[in-house]
Amino acid sequence: MNELNRLLGAIEQLLDAEGAALRHGNVLGAAALQERGAPVIRRLVEIAAISKRLISTPGPMAERFQGVREKRRENLDLLVALRAERETLRSRLADARVHMRRVNPAYGQKKVAVPRFSAAV
């Protein structure tokens, strides 16, 4: 039970840090945190398989597990939103490049501008 509390605390902290990283758009930082949390998750799954009663019986432990699931779902939602935002930006960038290719020939022509000076100075 003590190990379970310690592991849940660790995964809660990692999920909080992952959420903060995602809110700031730091996808690589979030991925690194997920890698750090992988062994903790594996151990939690092992313990949960042994003591299903702790997780399924209503009480503080079941609530903590539910909280971990909700935080993970929120982080996944943030990741999906970030991906959609980046896809939109990527699409806009592609559109801008197409536009630049269309208008570039007009700006690429070398024309000499002859300055006109007024004689009435």
PDB file of N, CA and C in Angstrom:
ATOM      1  N   MET A   1       0.833  -1.201   0.000  1.00  0.00           N
ATOM      2  CA  MET A   1       0.000   0.000   0.000  1.00  0.00           C
ATOM      3  C   MET A   1       0.873   1.258   0.000  1.00  0.00           C
ATOM      4  N   ASN A   2       1.969   1.220   0.767  1.00  0.00           N
ATOM      5  CA  ASN A   2       2.876   2.349   0.830  1.00  0.00           C
ATOM      6  C   ASN A   2       3.528   2.585  -0.532  1.00  0.00           C
ATOM      7  N   GLU A   3       3.935   1.496  -1.195  1.00  0.00           N
ATOM      8  CA  GLU A   3       4.542   1.620  -2.529  1.00  0.00           C
ATOM      9  C   GLU A   3       3.530   2.181  -3.517  1.00  0.00           C
ATOM     10  N   LEU A   4       2.305   1.748  -3.401  1.00  0.00           N
ATOM     11  CA  LEU A   4       1.246   2.227  -4.288  1.00  0.00           C
ATOM     12  C   LEU A   4       1.043   3.733  -4.124  1.00  0.00           C
ATOM     13  N   ASN A   5       1.004   4.203  -2.895  1.00  0.00           N
ATOM     14  CA  ASN A   5       0.862   5.647  -2.644  1.00  0.00           C
ATOM     15  C   ASN A   5       2.036   6.420  -3.228  1.00  0.00           C
ATOM     16  N   ARG A   6       3.227   5.908  -3.053  1.00  0.00           N
ATOM     17  CA  ARG A   6       4.430   6.564  -3.557  1.00  0.00           C
ATOM     18  C   ARG A   6       4.409   6.623  -5.088  1.00  0.00           C
ATOM     19  N   LEU A   7       4.036   5.510  -5.719  1.00  0.00           N
ATOM     20  CA  LEU A   7       3.974   5.472  -7.177  1.00  0.00           C
ATOM     21  C   LEU A   7       2.878   6.386  -7.726  1.00  0.00           C
ATOM     22  N   LEU A   8       1.731   6.396  -7.075  1.00  0.00           N
ATOM     23  CA  LEU A   8       0.656   7.296  -7.508  1.00  0.00           C
ATOM     24  C   LEU A   8       1.079   8.753  -7.376  1.00  0.00           C
ATOM     25  N   GLY A   9       1.759   9.070  -6.287  1.00  0.00           N
ATOM     26  CA  GLY A   9       2.258  10.440  -6.119  1.00  0.00           C
ATOM     27  C   GLY A   9       3.234  10.823  -7.217  1.00  0.00           C
ATOM     28  N   ALA A  10       4.119   9.892  -7.572  1.00  0.00           N
ATOM     29  CA  ALA A  10       5.098  10.160  -8.624  1.00  0.00           C
ATOM     30  C   ALA A  10       4.417  10.363  -9.966  1.00  0.00           C
ATOM     31  N   ILE A  11       3.451   9.511 -10.275  1.00  0.00           N
ATOM     32  CA  ILE A  11       2.789   9.639 -11.580  1.00  0.00           C
ATOM     33  C   ILE A  11       1.921  10.896 -11.624  1.00  0.00           C
ATOM     34  N   GLU A  12       1.329  11.271 -10.497  1.00  0.00           N
ATOM     35  CA  GLU A  12       0.542  12.519 -10.453  1.00  0.00           C
ATOM     36  C   GLU A  12       1.446  13.718 -10.739  1.00  0.00           C
ATOM     37  N   GLN A  13       2.635  13.730 -10.141  1.00  0.00           N
ATOM     38  CA  GLN A  13       3.578  14.830 -10.382  1.00  0.00           C
ATOM     39  C   GLN A  13       4.026  14.859 -11.837  1.00  0.00           C
ATOM     40  N   LEU A  14       4.323  13.689 -12.387  1.00  0.00           N
ATOM     41  CA  LEU A  14       4.740  13.631 -13.789  1.00  0.00           C
ATOM     42  C   LEU A  14       3.620  14.090 -14.726  1.00  0.00           C
ATOM     43  N   LEU A  15       2.393  13.702 -14.419  1.00  0.00           N
ATOM     44  CA  LEU A  15       1.261  14.128 -15.254  1.00  0.00           C
ATOM     45  C   LEU A  15       1.037  15.635 -15.159  1.00  0.00           C
ATOM     46  N   ASP A  16       1.225  16.205 -13.963  1.00  0.00           N
ATOM     47  CA  ASP A  16       1.106  17.658 -13.810  1.00  0.00           C
ATOM     48  C   ASP A  16       2.174  18.369 -14.639  1.00  0.00           C
ATOM     49  N   ALA A  17       3.406  17.864 -14.567  1.00  0.00           N
ATOM     50  CA  ALA A  17       4.504  18.464 -15.336  1.00  0.00           C
ATOM     51  C   ALA A  17       4.269  18.300 -16.832  1.00  0.00           C
ATOM     52  N   GLU A  18       3.751  17.146 -17.232  1.00  0.00           N
ATOM     53  CA  GLU A  18       3.445  16.908 -18.642  1.00  0.00           C
ATOM     54  C   GLU A  18       2.375  17.882 -19.128  1.00  0.00           C
ATOM     55  N   GLY A  19       1.346  18.075 -18.322  1.00  0.00           N
ATOM     56  CA  GLY A  19       0.295  19.021 -18.681  1.00  0.00           C
ATOM     57  C   GLY A  19       0.831  20.436 -18.819  1.00  0.00           C
ATOM     58  N   ALA A  20       1.709  20.841 -17.899  1.00  0.00           N
ATOM     59  CA  ALA A  20       2.306  22.177 -17.977  1.00  0.00           C
ATOM     60  C   ALA A  20       3.142  22.305 -19.248  1.00  0.00           C
ATOM     61  N   ALA A  21       3.898  21.276 -19.568  1.00  0.00           N
ATOM     62  CA  ALA A  21       4.717  21.306 -20.785  1.00  0.00           C
ATOM     63  C   ALA A  21       3.825  21.434 -22.020  1.00  0.00           C
ATOM     64  N   LEU A  22       2.739  20.681 -22.058  1.00  0.00           N
ATOM     65  CA  LEU A  22       1.837  20.743 -23.209  1.00  0.00           C
ATOM     66  C   LEU A  22       1.139  22.093 -23.307  1.00  0.00           C
ATOM     67  N   ARG A  23       0.762  22.671 -22.168  1.00  0.00           N
ATOM     68  CA  ARG A  23       0.111  23.984 -22.198  1.00  0.00           C
ATOM     69  C   ARG A  23       1.048  25.054 -22.748  1.00  0.00           C
ATOM     70  N   HIS A  24       2.358  24.844 -22.592  1.00  0.00           N
ATOM     71  CA  HIS A  24       3.342  25.785 -23.127  1.00  0.00           C
ATOM     72  C   HIS A  24       3.832  25.372 -24.519  1.00  0.00           C
ATOM     73  N   GLY A  25       3.225  24.319 -25.074  1.00  0.00           N
ATOM     74  CA  GLY A  25       3.581  23.895 -26.420  1.00  0.00           C
ATOM     75  C   GLY A  25       4.857  23.077 -26.506  1.00  0.00           C
ATOM     76  N   ASN A  26       5.367  22.624 -25.375  1.00  0.00           N
ATOM     77  CA  ASN A  26       6.615  21.865 -25.336  1.00  0.00           C
ATOM     78  C   ASN A  26       6.320  20.370 -25.483  1.00  0.00           C
ATOM     79  N   VAL A  27       6.124  19.948 -26.709  1.00  0.00           N
ATOM     80  CA  VAL A  27       5.769  18.556 -26.980  1.00  0.00           C
ATOM     81  C   VAL A  27       6.949  17.630 -26.671  1.00  0.00           C
ATOM     82  N   LEU A  28       8.162  18.067 -26.991  1.00  0.00           N
ATOM     83  CA  LEU A  28       9.340  17.231 -26.707  1.00  0.00           C
ATOM     84  C   LEU A  28       9.543  17.047 -25.210  1.00  0.00           C
ATOM     85  N   GLY A  29       9.310  18.090 -24.441  1.00  0.00           N
ATOM     86  CA  GLY A  29       9.407  17.978 -22.987  1.00  0.00           C
ATOM     87  C   GLY A  29       8.366  17.022 -22.431  1.00  0.00           C
ATOM     88  N   ALA A  30       7.160  17.087 -22.981  1.00  0.00           N
ATOM     89  CA  ALA A  30       6.097  16.181 -22.549  1.00  0.00           C
ATOM     90  C   ALA A  30       6.450  14.738 -22.894  1.00  0.00           C
ATOM     91  N   ALA A  31       7.040  14.525 -24.064  1.00  0.00           N
ATOM     92  CA  ALA A  31       7.448  13.168 -24.459  1.00  0.00           C
ATOM     93  C   ALA A  31       8.530  12.637 -23.535  1.00  0.00           C
ATOM     94  N   ALA A  32       9.454  13.494 -23.142  1.00  0.00           N
ATOM     95  CA  ALA A  32      10.510  13.074 -22.214  1.00  0.00           C
ATOM     96  C   ALA A  32       9.917  12.691 -20.858  1.00  0.00           C
ATOM     97  N   LEU A  33       8.935  13.448 -20.417  1.00  0.00           N
ATOM     98  CA  LEU A  33       8.267  13.124 -19.150  1.00  0.00           C
ATOM     99  C   LEU A  33       7.505  11.808 -19.246  1.00  0.00           C
ATOM    100  N   GLN A  34       6.916  11.550 -20.400  1.00  0.00           N
ATOM    101  CA  GLN A  34       6.219  10.273 -20.594  1.00  0.00           C
ATOM    102  C   GLN A  34       7.206   9.109 -20.521  1.00  0.00           C
ATOM    103  N   GLU A  35       8.383   9.295 -21.097  1.00  0.00           N
ATOM    104  CA  GLU A  35       9.406   8.248 -21.031  1.00  0.00           C
ATOM    105  C   GLU A  35       9.847   8.010 -19.586  1.00  0.00           C
ATOM    106  N   ARG A  36       9.998   9.098 -18.848  1.00  0.00           N
ATOM    107  CA  ARG A  36      10.380   8.964 -17.434  1.00  0.00           C
ATOM    108  C   ARG A  36       9.304   8.253 -16.631  1.00  0.00           C
ATOM    109  N   GLY A  37       8.051   8.461 -17.002  1.00  0.00           N
ATOM    110  CA  GLY A  37       6.944   7.868 -16.261  1.00  0.00           C
ATOM    111  C   GLY A  37       6.615   6.440 -16.655  1.00  0.00           C
ATOM    112  N   ALA A  38       7.170   5.963 -17.760  1.00  0.00           N
ATOM    113  CA  ALA A  38       6.838   4.616 -18.246  1.00  0.00           C
ATOM    114  C   ALA A  38       7.113   3.518 -17.218  1.00  0.00           C
ATOM    115  N   PRO A  39       8.281   3.510 -16.544  1.00  0.00           N
ATOM    116  CA  PRO A  39       8.508   2.462 -15.541  1.00  0.00           C
ATOM    117  C   PRO A  39       7.535   2.551 -14.365  1.00  0.00           C
ATOM    118  N   VAL A  40       7.158   3.752 -14.006  1.00  0.00           N
ATOM    119  CA  VAL A  40       6.208   3.942 -12.905  1.00  0.00           C
ATOM    120  C   VAL A  40       4.848   3.366 -13.304  1.00  0.00           C
ATOM    121  N   ILE A  41       4.435   3.648 -14.522  1.00  0.00           N
ATOM    122  CA  ILE A  41       3.157   3.122 -15.017  1.00  0.00           C
ATOM    123  C   ILE A  41       3.185   1.599 -15.043  1.00  0.00           C
ATOM    124  N   ARG A  42       4.291   1.042 -15.540  1.00  0.00           N
ATOM    125  CA  ARG A  42       4.388  -0.429 -15.580  1.00  0.00           C
ATOM    126  C   ARG A  42       4.243  -1.025 -14.187  1.00  0.00           C
ATOM    127  N   ARG A  43       4.896  -0.426 -13.213  1.00  0.00           N
ATOM    128  CA  ARG A  43       4.815  -0.943 -11.844  1.00  0.00           C
ATOM    129  C   ARG A  43       3.403  -0.757 -11.286  1.00  0.00           C
ATOM    130  N   LEU A  44       2.762   0.348 -11.570  1.00  0.00           N
ATOM    131  CA  LEU A  44       1.385   0.563 -11.129  1.00  0.00           C
ATOM    132  C   LEU A  44       0.457  -0.496 -11.710  1.00  0.00           C
ATOM    133  N   VAL A  45       0.664  -0.836 -12.971  1.00  0.00           N
ATOM    134  CA  VAL A  45      -0.167  -1.851 -13.607  1.00  0.00           C
ATOM    135  C   VAL A  45       0.046  -3.203 -12.931  1.00  0.00           C
ATOM    136  N   GLU A  46       1.295  -3.508 -12.607  1.00  0.00           N
ATOM    137  CA  GLU A  46       1.581  -4.773 -11.907  1.00  0.00           C
ATOM    138  C   GLU A  46       0.863  -4.832 -10.561  1.00  0.00           C
ATOM    139  N   ILE A  47       0.967  -3.755  -9.804  1.00  0.00           N
ATOM    140  CA  ILE A  47       0.325  -3.715  -8.485  1.00  0.00           C
ATOM    141  C   ILE A  47      -1.190  -3.768  -8.630  1.00  0.00           C
ATOM    142  N   ALA A  48      -1.721  -3.040  -9.602  1.00  0.00           N
ATOM    143  CA  ALA A  48      -3.171  -3.011  -9.809  1.00  0.00           C
ATOM    144  C   ALA A  48      -3.692  -4.389 -10.178  1.00  0.00           C
ATOM    145  N   ALA A  49      -2.919  -5.138 -10.958  1.00  0.00           N
ATOM    146  CA  ALA A  49      -3.344  -6.487 -11.335  1.00  0.00           C
ATOM    147  C   ALA A  49      -3.400  -7.400 -10.110  1.00  0.00           C
ATOM    148  N   ILE A  50      -2.488  -7.174  -9.175  1.00  0.00           N
ATOM    149  CA  ILE A  50      -2.453  -8.001  -7.969  1.00  0.00           C
ATOM    150  C   ILE A  50      -3.570  -7.611  -7.011  1.00  0.00           C
ATOM    151  N   SER A  51      -3.769  -6.328  -6.840  1.00  0.00           N
ATOM    152  CA  SER A  51      -4.754  -5.871  -5.850  1.00  0.00           C
ATOM    153  C   SER A  51      -5.861  -5.066  -6.522  1.00  0.00           C
ATOM    154  N   LYS A  52      -6.663  -5.723  -7.320  1.00  0.00           N
ATOM    155  CA  LYS A  52      -7.775  -5.066  -8.027  1.00  0.00           C
ATOM    156  C   LYS A  52      -8.779  -4.472  -7.052  1.00  0.00           C
ATOM    157  N   ARG A  53      -8.884  -5.067  -5.898  1.00  0.00           N
ATOM    158  CA  ARG A  53      -9.846  -4.602  -4.903  1.00  0.00           C
ATOM    159  C   ARG A  53      -9.558  -3.156  -4.502  1.00  0.00           C
ATOM    160  N   LEU A  54      -8.275  -2.776  -4.414  1.00  0.00           N
ATOM    161  CA  LEU A  54      -7.913  -1.412  -4.018  1.00  0.00           C
ATOM    162  C   LEU A  54      -8.428  -0.379  -5.016  1.00  0.00           C
ATOM    163  N   ILE A  55      -8.417  -0.762  -6.273  1.00  0.00           N
ATOM    164  CA  ILE A  55      -8.795   0.178  -7.326  1.00  0.00           C
ATOM    165  C   ILE A  55     -10.298   0.202  -7.541  1.00  0.00           C
ATOM    166  N   SER A  56     -10.919  -0.960  -7.447  1.00  0.00           N
ATOM    167  CA  SER A  56     -12.343  -1.042  -7.765  1.00  0.00           C
ATOM    168  C   SER A  56     -13.248  -0.676  -6.591  1.00  0.00           C
ATOM    169  N   THR A  57     -12.773  -0.812  -5.367  1.00  0.00           N
ATOM    170  CA  THR A  57     -13.575  -0.478  -4.199  1.00  0.00           C
ATOM    171  C   THR A  57     -13.613   1.041  -4.024  1.00  0.00           C
ATOM    172  N   PRO A  58     -14.792   1.642  -3.914  1.00  0.00           N
ATOM    173  CA  PRO A  58     -14.859   3.093  -3.709  1.00  0.00           C
ATOM    174  C   PRO A  58     -14.054   3.500  -2.474  1.00  0.00           C
ATOM    175  N   GLY A  59     -13.312   4.544  -2.632  1.00  0.00           N
ATOM    176  CA  GLY A  59     -12.490   5.046  -1.542  1.00  0.00           C
ATOM    177  C   GLY A  59     -11.392   5.944  -2.076  1.00  0.00           C
ATOM    178  N   PRO A  60     -10.479   6.353  -1.198  1.00  0.00           N
ATOM    179  CA  PRO A  60      -9.438   7.294  -1.604  1.00  0.00           C
ATOM    180  C   PRO A  60      -8.527   6.760  -2.716  1.00  0.00           C
ATOM    181  N   MET A  61      -8.192   5.474  -2.660  1.00  0.00           N
ATOM    182  CA  MET A  61      -7.287   4.918  -3.663  1.00  0.00           C
ATOM    183  C   MET A  61      -7.957   4.899  -5.037  1.00  0.00           C
ATOM    184  N   ALA A  62      -9.206   4.503  -5.089  1.00  0.00           N
ATOM    185  CA  ALA A  62      -9.938   4.483  -6.359  1.00  0.00           C
ATOM    186  C   ALA A  62     -10.082   5.902  -6.910  1.00  0.00           C
ATOM    187  N   GLU A  63     -10.278   6.877  -6.024  1.00  0.00           N
ATOM    188  CA  GLU A  63     -10.393   8.267  -6.453  1.00  0.00           C
ATOM    189  C   GLU A  63      -9.071   8.768  -7.037  1.00  0.00           C
ATOM    190  N   ARG A  64      -7.965   8.361  -6.424  1.00  0.00           N
ATOM    191  CA  ARG A  64      -6.655   8.780  -6.954  1.00  0.00           C
ATOM    192  C   ARG A  64      -6.416   8.178  -8.327  1.00  0.00           C
ATOM    193  N   PHE A  65      -6.777   6.905  -8.501  1.00  0.00           N
ATOM    194  CA  PHE A  65      -6.621   6.284  -9.809  1.00  0.00           C
ATOM    195  C   PHE A  65      -7.498   6.992 -10.839  1.00  0.00           C
ATOM    196  N   GLN A  66      -8.701   7.335 -10.440  1.00  0.00           N
ATOM    197  CA  GLN A  66      -9.599   8.066 -11.343  1.00  0.00           C
ATOM    198  C   GLN A  66      -8.999   9.433 -11.682  1.00  0.00           C
ATOM    199  N   GLY A  67      -8.404  10.082 -10.702  1.00  0.00           N
ATOM    200  CA  GLY A  67      -7.754  11.368 -10.945  1.00  0.00           C
ATOM    201  C   GLY A  67      -6.605  11.251 -11.933  1.00  0.00           C
ATOM    202  N   VAL A  68      -5.836  10.179 -11.816  1.00  0.00           N
ATOM    203  CA  VAL A  68      -4.729   9.944 -12.751  1.00  0.00           C
ATOM    204  C   VAL A  68      -5.280   9.742 -14.158  1.00  0.00           C
ATOM    205  N   ARG A  69      -6.348   8.964 -14.275  1.00  0.00           N
ATOM    206  CA  ARG A  69      -6.962   8.747 -15.591  1.00  0.00           C
ATOM    207  C   ARG A  69      -7.456  10.063 -16.190  1.00  0.00           C
ATOM    208  N   GLU A  70      -8.075  10.905 -15.365  1.00  0.00           N
ATOM    209  CA  GLU A  70      -8.595  12.188 -15.859  1.00  0.00           C
ATOM    210  C   GLU A  70      -7.472  13.118 -16.293  1.00  0.00           C
ATOM    211  N   LYS A  71      -6.385  13.158 -15.508  1.00  0.00           N
ATOM    212  CA  LYS A  71      -5.244  14.003 -15.893  1.00  0.00           C
ATOM    213  C   LYS A  71      -4.657  13.528 -17.210  1.00  0.00           C
ATOM    214  N   ARG A  72      -4.548  12.225 -17.366  1.00  0.00           N
ATOM    215  CA  ARG A  72      -4.005  11.672 -18.610  1.00  0.00           C
ATOM    216  C   ARG A  72      -4.909  12.026 -19.786  1.00  0.00           C
ATOM    217  N   ARG A  73      -6.216  11.934 -19.587  1.00  0.00           N
ATOM    218  CA  ARG A  73      -7.169  12.295 -20.647  1.00  0.00           C
ATOM    219  C   ARG A  73      -7.034  13.781 -21.000  1.00  0.00           C
ATOM    220  N   GLU A  74      -6.899  14.634 -19.993  1.00  0.00           N
ATOM    221  CA  GLU A  74      -6.736  16.067 -20.247  1.00  0.00           C
ATOM    222  C   GLU A  74      -5.460  16.328 -21.044  1.00  0.00           C
ATOM    223  N   ASN A  75      -4.372  15.639 -20.679  1.00  0.00           N
ATOM    224  CA  ASN A  75      -3.111  15.821 -21.395  1.00  0.00           C
ATOM    225  C   ASN A  75      -3.227  15.350 -22.840  1.00  0.00           C
ATOM    226  N   LEU A  76      -3.945  14.264 -23.062  1.00  0.00           N
ATOM    227  CA  LEU A  76      -4.156  13.795 -24.433  1.00  0.00           C
ATOM    228  C   LEU A  76      -4.977  14.798 -25.238  1.00  0.00           C
ATOM    229  N   ASP A  77      -5.982  15.395 -24.590  1.00  0.00           N
ATOM    230  CA  ASP A  77      -6.778  16.424 -25.256  1.00  0.00           C
ATOM    231  C   ASP A  77      -5.913  17.628 -25.630  1.00  0.00           C
ATOM    232  N   LEU A  78      -5.012  18.025 -24.723  1.00  0.00           N
ATOM    233  CA  LEU A  78      -4.089  19.125 -25.017  1.00  0.00           C
ATOM    234  C   LEU A  78      -3.196  18.772 -26.200  1.00  0.00           C
ATOM    235  N   LEU A  79      -2.713  17.550 -26.222  1.00  0.00           N
ATOM    236  CA  LEU A  79      -1.844  17.110 -27.309  1.00  0.00           C
ATOM    237  C   LEU A  79      -2.588  17.114 -28.647  1.00  0.00           C
ATOM    238  N   VAL A  80      -3.818  16.666 -28.647  1.00  0.00           N
ATOM    239  CA  VAL A  80      -4.630  16.672 -29.868  1.00  0.00           C
ATOM    240  C   VAL A  80      -4.860  18.111 -30.340  1.00  0.00           C
ATOM    241  N   ALA A  81      -5.139  19.009 -29.401  1.00  0.00           N
ATOM    242  CA  ALA A  81      -5.361  20.416 -29.757  1.00  0.00           C
ATOM    243  C   ALA A  81      -4.084  21.040 -30.323  1.00  0.00           C
ATOM    244  N   LEU A  82      -2.939  20.725 -29.721  1.00  0.00           N
ATOM    245  CA  LEU A  82      -1.666  21.239 -30.228  1.00  0.00           C
ATOM    246  C   LEU A  82      -1.395  20.728 -31.635  1.00  0.00           C
ATOM    247  N   ARG A  83      -1.674  19.472 -31.844  1.00  0.00           N
ATOM    248  CA  ARG A  83      -1.442  18.899 -33.173  1.00  0.00           C
ATOM    249  C   ARG A  83      -2.341  19.574 -34.210  1.00  0.00           C
ATOM    250  N   ALA A  84      -3.592  19.787 -33.869  1.00  0.00           N
ATOM    251  CA  ALA A  84      -4.514  20.449 -34.795  1.00  0.00           C
ATOM    252  C   ALA A  84      -4.051  21.871 -35.098  1.00  0.00           C
ATOM    253  N   GLU A  85      -3.590  22.568 -34.061  1.00  0.00           N
ATOM    254  CA  GLU A  85      -3.101  23.932 -34.241  1.00  0.00           C
ATOM    255  C   GLU A  85      -1.880  23.952 -35.157  1.00  0.00           C
ATOM    256  N   ARG A  86      -0.981  23.014 -34.948  1.00  0.00           N
ATOM    257  CA  ARG A  86       0.223  22.966 -35.784  1.00  0.00           C
ATOM    258  C   ARG A  86      -0.105  22.557 -37.216  1.00  0.00           C
ATOM    259  N   GLU A  87      -1.077  21.690 -37.381  1.00  0.00           N
ATOM    260  CA  GLU A  87      -1.502  21.324 -38.741  1.00  0.00           C
ATOM    261  C   GLU A  87      -2.090  22.538 -39.457  1.00  0.00           C
ATOM    262  N   THR A  88      -2.861  23.347 -38.731  1.00  0.00           N
ATOM    263  CA  THR A  88      -3.429  24.567 -39.310  1.00  0.00           C
ATOM    264  C   THR A  88      -2.314  25.523 -39.720  1.00  0.00           C
ATOM    265  N   LEU A  89      -1.329  25.688 -38.834  1.00  0.00           N
ATOM    266  CA  LEU A  89      -0.202  26.572 -39.154  1.00  0.00           C
ATOM    267  C   LEU A  89       0.590  26.038 -40.341  1.00  0.00           C
ATOM    268  N   ARG A  90       0.779  24.737 -40.393  1.00  0.00           N
ATOM    269  CA  ARG A  90       1.514  24.121 -41.501  1.00  0.00           C
ATOM    270  C   ARG A  90       0.760  24.349 -42.822  1.00  0.00           C
ATOM    271  N   SER A  91      -0.548  24.230 -42.764  1.00  0.00           N
ATOM    272  CA  SER A  91      -1.362  24.451 -43.957  1.00  0.00           C
ATOM    273  C   SER A  91      -1.280  25.908 -44.407  1.00  0.00           C
ATOM    274  N   ARG A  92      -1.341  26.826 -43.457  1.00  0.00           N
ATOM    275  CA  ARG A  92      -1.242  28.247 -43.788  1.00  0.00           C
ATOM    276  C   ARG A  92       0.119  28.578 -44.379  1.00  0.00           C
ATOM    277  N   LEU A  93       1.164  27.951 -43.851  1.00  0.00           N
ATOM    278  CA  LEU A  93       2.511  28.162 -44.374  1.00  0.00           C
ATOM    279  C   LEU A  93       2.616  27.642 -45.806  1.00  0.00           C
ATOM    280  N   ALA A  94       2.036  26.470 -46.069  1.00  0.00           N
ATOM    281  CA  ALA A  94       2.045  25.918 -47.425  1.00  0.00           C
ATOM    282  C   ALA A  94       1.297  26.855 -48.382  1.00  0.00           C
ATOM    283  N   ASP A  95       0.159  27.389 -47.939  1.00  0.00           N
ATOM    284  CA  ASP A  95      -0.595  28.334 -48.765  1.00  0.00           C
ATOM    285  C   ASP A  95       0.226  29.583 -49.054  1.00  0.00           C
ATOM    286  N   ALA A  96       0.934  30.074 -48.053  1.00  0.00           N
ATOM    287  CA  ALA A  96       1.763  31.268 -48.225  1.00  0.00           C
ATOM    288  C   ALA A  96       2.903  30.997 -49.211  1.00  0.00           C
ATOM    289  N   ARG A  97       3.471  29.803 -49.160  1.00  0.00           N
ATOM    290  CA  ARG A  97       4.546  29.457 -50.102  1.00  0.00           C
ATOM    291  C   ARG A  97       4.025  29.399 -51.529  1.00  0.00           C
ATOM    292  N   VAL A  98       2.845  28.830 -51.728  1.00  0.00           N
ATOM    293  CA  VAL A  98       2.236  28.783 -53.059  1.00  0.00           C
ATOM    294  C   VAL A  98       2.006  30.202 -53.557  1.00  0.00           C
ATOM    295  N   HIS A  99       1.492  31.053 -52.697  1.00  0.00           N
ATOM    296  CA  HIS A  99       1.240  32.452 -53.063  1.00  0.00           C
ATOM    297  C   HIS A  99       2.550  33.141 -53.452  1.00  0.00           C
ATOM    298  N   MET A 100       3.605  32.904 -52.686  1.00  0.00           N
ATOM    299  CA  MET A 100       4.894  33.539 -52.980  1.00  0.00           C
ATOM    300  C   MET A 100       5.450  33.055 -54.320  1.00  0.00           C
ATOM    301  N   ARG A 101       5.249  31.776 -54.638  1.00  0.00           N
ATOM    302  CA  ARG A 101       5.712  31.263 -55.923  1.00  0.00           C
ATOM    303  C   ARG A 101       4.958  31.920 -57.076  1.00  0.00           C
ATOM    304  N   ARG A 102       3.690  32.237 -56.830  1.00  0.00           N
ATOM    305  CA  ARG A 102       2.882  32.884 -57.880  1.00  0.00           C
ATOM    306  C   ARG A 102       3.290  34.331 -58.095  1.00  0.00           C
ATOM    307  N   VAL A 103       3.542  35.057 -57.022  1.00  0.00           N
ATOM    308  CA  VAL A 103       3.833  36.492 -57.169  1.00  0.00           C
ATOM    309  C   VAL A 103       5.317  36.779 -57.324  1.00  0.00           C
ATOM    310  N   ASN A 104       6.162  35.853 -57.016  1.00  0.00           N
ATOM    311  CA  ASN A 104       7.606  36.080 -57.070  1.00  0.00           C
ATOM    312  C   ASN A 104       8.097  36.480 -58.452  1.00  0.00           C
ATOM    313  N   PRO A 105       7.625  35.871 -59.549  1.00  0.00           N
ATOM    314  CA  PRO A 105       8.128  36.295 -60.863  1.00  0.00           C
ATOM    315  C   PRO A 105       7.904  37.781 -61.134  1.00  0.00           C
ATOM    316  N   ALA A 106       6.798  38.329 -60.673  1.00  0.00           N
ATOM    317  CA  ALA A 106       6.531  39.752 -60.891  1.00  0.00           C
ATOM    318  C   ALA A 106       7.528  40.614 -60.126  1.00  0.00           C
ATOM    319  N   TYR A 107       7.915  40.177 -58.952  1.00  0.00           N
ATOM    320  CA  TYR A 107       8.867  40.957 -58.162  1.00  0.00           C
ATOM    321  C   TYR A 107      10.306  40.652 -58.559  1.00  0.00           C
ATOM    322  N   GLY A 108      10.515  39.580 -59.260  1.00  0.00           N
ATOM    323  CA  GLY A 108      11.871  39.186 -59.619  1.00  0.00           C
ATOM    324  C   GLY A 108      12.395  39.872 -60.868  1.00  0.00           C
ATOM    325  N   GLN A 109      11.534  40.588 -61.616  1.00  0.00           N
ATOM    326  CA  GLN A 109      11.981  41.256 -62.832  1.00  0.00           C
ATOM    327  C   GLN A 109      12.812  42.474 -62.465  1.00  0.00           C
ATOM    328  N   LYS A 110      13.889  42.636 -63.206  1.00  0.00           N
ATOM    329  CA  LYS A 110      14.766  43.779 -62.937  1.00  0.00           C
ATOM    330  C   LYS A 110      14.317  44.959 -63.795  1.00  0.00           C
ATOM    331  N   LYS A 111      13.816  45.942 -63.148  1.00  0.00           N
ATOM    332  CA  LYS A 111      13.422  47.176 -63.831  1.00  0.00           C
ATOM    333  C   LYS A 111      14.209  48.311 -63.193  1.00  0.00           C
ATOM    334  N   VAL A 112      14.705  49.146 -64.030  1.00  0.00           N
ATOM    335  CA  VAL A 112      15.453  50.289 -63.515  1.00  0.00           C
ATOM    336  C   VAL A 112      14.473  51.439 -63.348  1.00  0.00           C
ATOM    337  N   ALA A 113      14.389  51.918 -62.164  1.00  0.00           N
ATOM    338  CA  ALA A 113      13.511  53.044 -61.905  1.00  0.00           C
ATOM    339  C   ALA A 113      14.286  54.330 -62.147  1.00  0.00           C
ATOM    340  N   VAL A 114      13.747  55.165 -63.013  1.00  0.00           N
ATOM    341  CA  VAL A 114      14.391  56.430 -63.312  1.00  0.00           C
ATOM    342  C   VAL A 114      13.814  57.470 -62.386  1.00  0.00           C
ATOM    343  N   PRO A 115      14.657  58.041 -61.550  1.00  0.00           N
ATOM    344  CA  PRO A 115      14.143  59.059 -60.634  1.00  0.00           C
ATOM    345  C   PRO A 115      13.714  60.313 -61.407  1.00  0.00           C
ATOM    346  N   ARG A 116      12.648  60.921 -60.985  1.00  0.00           N
ATOM    347  CA  ARG A 116      12.158  62.140 -61.623  1.00  0.00           C
ATOM    348  C   ARG A 116      12.350  63.285 -60.636  1.00  0.00           C
ATOM    349  N   PHE A 117      13.062  64.251 -61.102  1.00  0.00           N
ATOM    350  CA  PHE A 117      13.314  65.407 -60.265  1.00  0.00           C
ATOM    351  C   PHE A 117      12.525  66.595 -60.793  1.00  0.00           C
ATOM    352  N   SER A 118      12.093  67.403 -59.899  1.00  0.00           N
ATOM    353  CA  SER A 118      11.358  68.591 -60.290  1.00  0.00           C
ATOM    354  C   SER A 118      12.342  69.707 -60.602  1.00  0.00           C
ATOM    355  N   ALA A 119      12.122  70.405 -61.677  1.00  0.00           N
ATOM    356  CA  ALA A 119      13.011  71.505 -62.068  1.00  0.00           C
ATOM    357  C   ALA A 119      12.681  72.773 -61.278  1.00  0.00           C
ATOM    358  N   ALA A 120      11.543  72.810 -60.665  1.00  0.00           N
ATOM    359  CA  ALA A 120      11.136  74.022 -59.944  1.00  0.00           C
ATOM    360  C   ALA A 120      11.568  73.919 -58.498  1.00  0.00           C
ATOM    361  N   VAL A 121      12.833  74.014 -58.267  1.00  0.00           N
ATOM    362  CA  VAL A 121      13.340  73.955 -56.896  1.00  0.00           C
ATOM    363  C   VAL A 121      13.756  75.319 -56.457  1.00  0.00           C
TER     364      VAL A 121
END
